């Protein structure tokens, strides 16, 4: 009986260690806007509303144009899982419904974080997400994705 309890303890400890390793391996993501955009911070629910087509404006009333990473990019999947709690399948279903009902189009896709940063830097109305390591002075982070 003691061996069984010890075995369960080791199994639980191993699972926790694997989960911690998975989180440590996850990229630090930031939501960015142009350095010329006056928005200083956004809440996760505000970012989710913009990226899900439920809001087309920043809190100050200015137009918000979201840019996505390419379909299948691990960072994209991580961003949507953490900010909107949607899997790729749920996201596809969401946009299928939005497009079918005429309520919106999904964000334009760009190939990588560098392309997102460049696009956002050039347009004060743009918003995107990138790896924290890709930040530079042309953009600023309005949300660190946890």
Protein backbone atom coordinates (compact mmCIF):
# COMPACT_ATOMS: atom_id res chain seq x y z
CA UNK A 1 0.00 0.00 0.00
CA UNK A 2 2.83 2.41 0.84
CA UNK A 3 4.46 1.70 -2.52
CA UNK A 4 1.21 2.64 -4.30
CA UNK A 5 0.99 5.99 -2.46
CA UNK A 6 4.65 6.68 -3.24
CA UNK A 7 4.05 5.83 -6.90
CA UNK A 8 1.05 8.22 -7.07
CA UNK A 9 3.13 10.96 -5.43
CA UNK A 10 5.93 10.49 -7.97
CA UNK A 11 3.41 10.54 -10.83
CA UNK A 12 1.91 13.80 -9.56
CA UNK A 13 5.33 15.34 -9.06
CA UNK A 14 6.36 14.35 -12.58
CA UNK A 15 3.17 15.87 -14.03
CA UNK A 16 3.76 19.14 -12.19
CA UNK A 17 7.36 19.24 -13.37
CA UNK A 18 6.25 18.69 -16.98
CA UNK A 19 3.67 21.45 -16.73
CA UNK A 20 6.25 23.83 -15.28
CA UNK A 21 8.67 22.96 -18.10
CA UNK A 22 5.95 23.56 -20.71
CA UNK A 23 5.19 27.00 -19.25
CA UNK A 24 8.89 27.87 -19.07
CA UNK A 25 9.21 26.91 -22.74
CA UNK A 26 6.27 29.11 -23.73
CA UNK A 27 7.23 32.34 -25.45
CA UNK A 28 6.79 35.62 -23.64
CA UNK A 29 4.24 37.38 -25.80
CA UNK A 30 3.42 41.06 -25.91
CA UNK A 31 0.58 42.91 -27.58
CA UNK A 32 1.98 45.94 -29.38
CA UNK A 33 0.91 49.22 -30.90
CA UNK A 34 2.91 51.85 -32.77
CA UNK A 35 5.17 54.09 -30.70
CA UNK A 36 2.98 56.91 -32.13
CA UNK A 37 -0.20 55.41 -30.62
CA UNK A 38 -1.18 57.14 -27.32
CA UNK A 39 -2.71 53.97 -25.81
CA UNK A 40 -0.49 52.98 -22.87
CA UNK A 41 -2.11 49.74 -21.69
CA UNK A 42 -4.97 47.42 -22.57
CA UNK A 43 -6.68 44.68 -20.58
CA UNK A 44 -6.79 41.15 -21.98
CA UNK A 45 -10.57 41.40 -22.53
CA UNK A 46 -10.09 44.58 -24.60
CA UNK A 47 -7.44 42.88 -26.73
CA UNK A 48 -9.64 39.80 -27.14
CA UNK A 49 -12.57 41.96 -28.31
CA UNK A 50 -10.38 43.62 -30.95
CA UNK A 51 -8.91 40.34 -32.24
CA UNK A 52 -12.31 38.60 -32.29
CA UNK A 53 -13.97 41.39 -34.24
CA UNK A 54 -16.21 42.42 -31.35
CA UNK A 55 -14.63 45.88 -31.16
CA UNK A 56 -13.03 47.97 -33.89
CA UNK A 57 -11.82 50.74 -31.60
CA UNK A 58 -9.27 51.40 -28.91
CA UNK A 59 -10.66 52.67 -25.58
CA UNK A 60 -9.92 56.27 -26.67
CA UNK A 61 -12.22 55.82 -29.69
CA UNK A 62 -9.50 55.56 -32.34
CA UNK A 63 -9.82 52.80 -34.92
CA UNK A 64 -8.00 49.55 -34.08
CA UNK A 65 -6.77 47.33 -36.92
CA UNK A 66 -5.51 43.93 -35.70
CA UNK A 67 -2.81 41.87 -37.43
CA UNK A 68 -2.40 38.14 -36.89
CA UNK A 69 0.51 35.82 -37.38
CA UNK A 70 0.05 33.19 -40.08
CA UNK A 71 -2.32 30.30 -39.51
CA UNK A 72 -0.53 27.42 -37.79
CA UNK A 73 2.12 29.58 -36.12
CA UNK A 74 2.66 28.28 -32.56
CA UNK A 75 2.78 31.86 -31.23
CA UNK A 76 -0.62 32.56 -32.79
CA UNK A 77 -2.13 29.49 -31.13
CA UNK A 78 -0.58 30.47 -27.80
CA UNK A 79 -1.84 34.06 -28.09
CA UNK A 80 -5.43 33.00 -28.76
CA UNK A 81 -5.38 30.31 -26.07
CA UNK A 82 -4.14 32.76 -23.44
CA UNK A 83 -6.05 35.91 -24.43
CA UNK A 84 -9.33 34.54 -25.80
CA UNK A 85 -9.34 30.96 -24.41
CA UNK A 86 -9.98 29.71 -27.96
CA UNK A 87 -8.35 26.74 -29.66
CA UNK A 88 -7.61 26.95 -33.39
CA UNK A 89 -10.83 24.97 -34.06
CA UNK A 90 -12.96 27.30 -31.92
CA UNK A 91 -11.35 30.33 -33.55
CA UNK A 92 -12.14 28.95 -37.01
CA UNK A 93 -15.76 28.37 -35.97
CA UNK A 94 -15.97 31.90 -34.53
CA UNK A 95 -14.75 33.51 -37.76
CA UNK A 96 -16.91 31.28 -39.94
CA UNK A 97 -19.96 32.54 -38.05
CA UNK A 98 -18.79 36.18 -38.11
CA UNK A 99 -18.13 36.10 -41.87
CA UNK A 100 -21.35 34.20 -42.65
CA UNK A 101 -23.48 36.70 -40.70
CA UNK A 102 -21.65 39.67 -42.20
CA UNK A 103 -20.41 40.89 -38.83
CA UNK A 104 -16.71 40.88 -39.57
CA UNK A 105 -13.59 39.55 -41.24
CA UNK A 106 -10.63 37.95 -39.47
CA UNK A 107 -7.48 40.03 -39.03
CA UNK A 108 -5.01 40.12 -41.90
CA UNK A 109 -2.19 37.60 -41.49
CA UNK A 110 1.53 38.33 -41.59
CA UNK A 111 4.34 35.74 -41.81
CA UNK A 112 6.31 36.44 -38.62
CA UNK A 113 6.87 38.71 -35.61
CA UNK A 114 9.23 40.99 -37.55
CA UNK A 115 6.54 41.60 -40.21
CA UNK A 116 3.92 42.29 -37.53
CA UNK A 117 6.26 44.72 -35.76
CA UNK A 118 6.99 46.59 -39.02
CA UNK A 119 3.29 46.81 -39.97
CA UNK A 120 2.27 48.01 -36.51
CA UNK A 121 5.15 50.52 -36.32
CA UNK A 122 4.02 52.08 -39.61
CA UNK A 123 0.35 52.48 -38.61
CA UNK A 124 -0.76 54.18 -35.36
CA UNK A 125 -4.11 52.37 -35.66
CA UNK A 126 -2.59 48.90 -35.90
CA UNK A 127 -2.31 46.34 -33.12
CA UNK A 128 -0.49 43.01 -33.13
CA UNK A 129 1.30 40.48 -30.96
CA UNK A 130 4.90 39.34 -31.09
CA UNK A 131 7.53 37.63 -28.98
CA UNK A 132 8.84 39.95 -26.30
CA UNK A 133 12.36 39.58 -27.71
CA UNK A 134 11.23 41.16 -31.01
CA UNK A 135 10.33 44.49 -29.34
CA UNK A 136 12.15 47.63 -30.43
CA UNK A 137 11.62 51.40 -30.14
CA UNK A 138 9.22 51.55 -33.10
CA UNK A 139 6.43 49.92 -31.03
CA UNK A 140 5.42 49.64 -27.42
CA UNK A 141 3.79 46.85 -25.46
CA UNK A 142 0.27 47.50 -24.19
CA UNK A 143 -0.18 44.03 -22.68
CA UNK A 144 2.20 41.31 -21.57
CA UNK A 145 0.43 38.00 -22.19
CA UNK A 146 0.71 35.75 -19.15
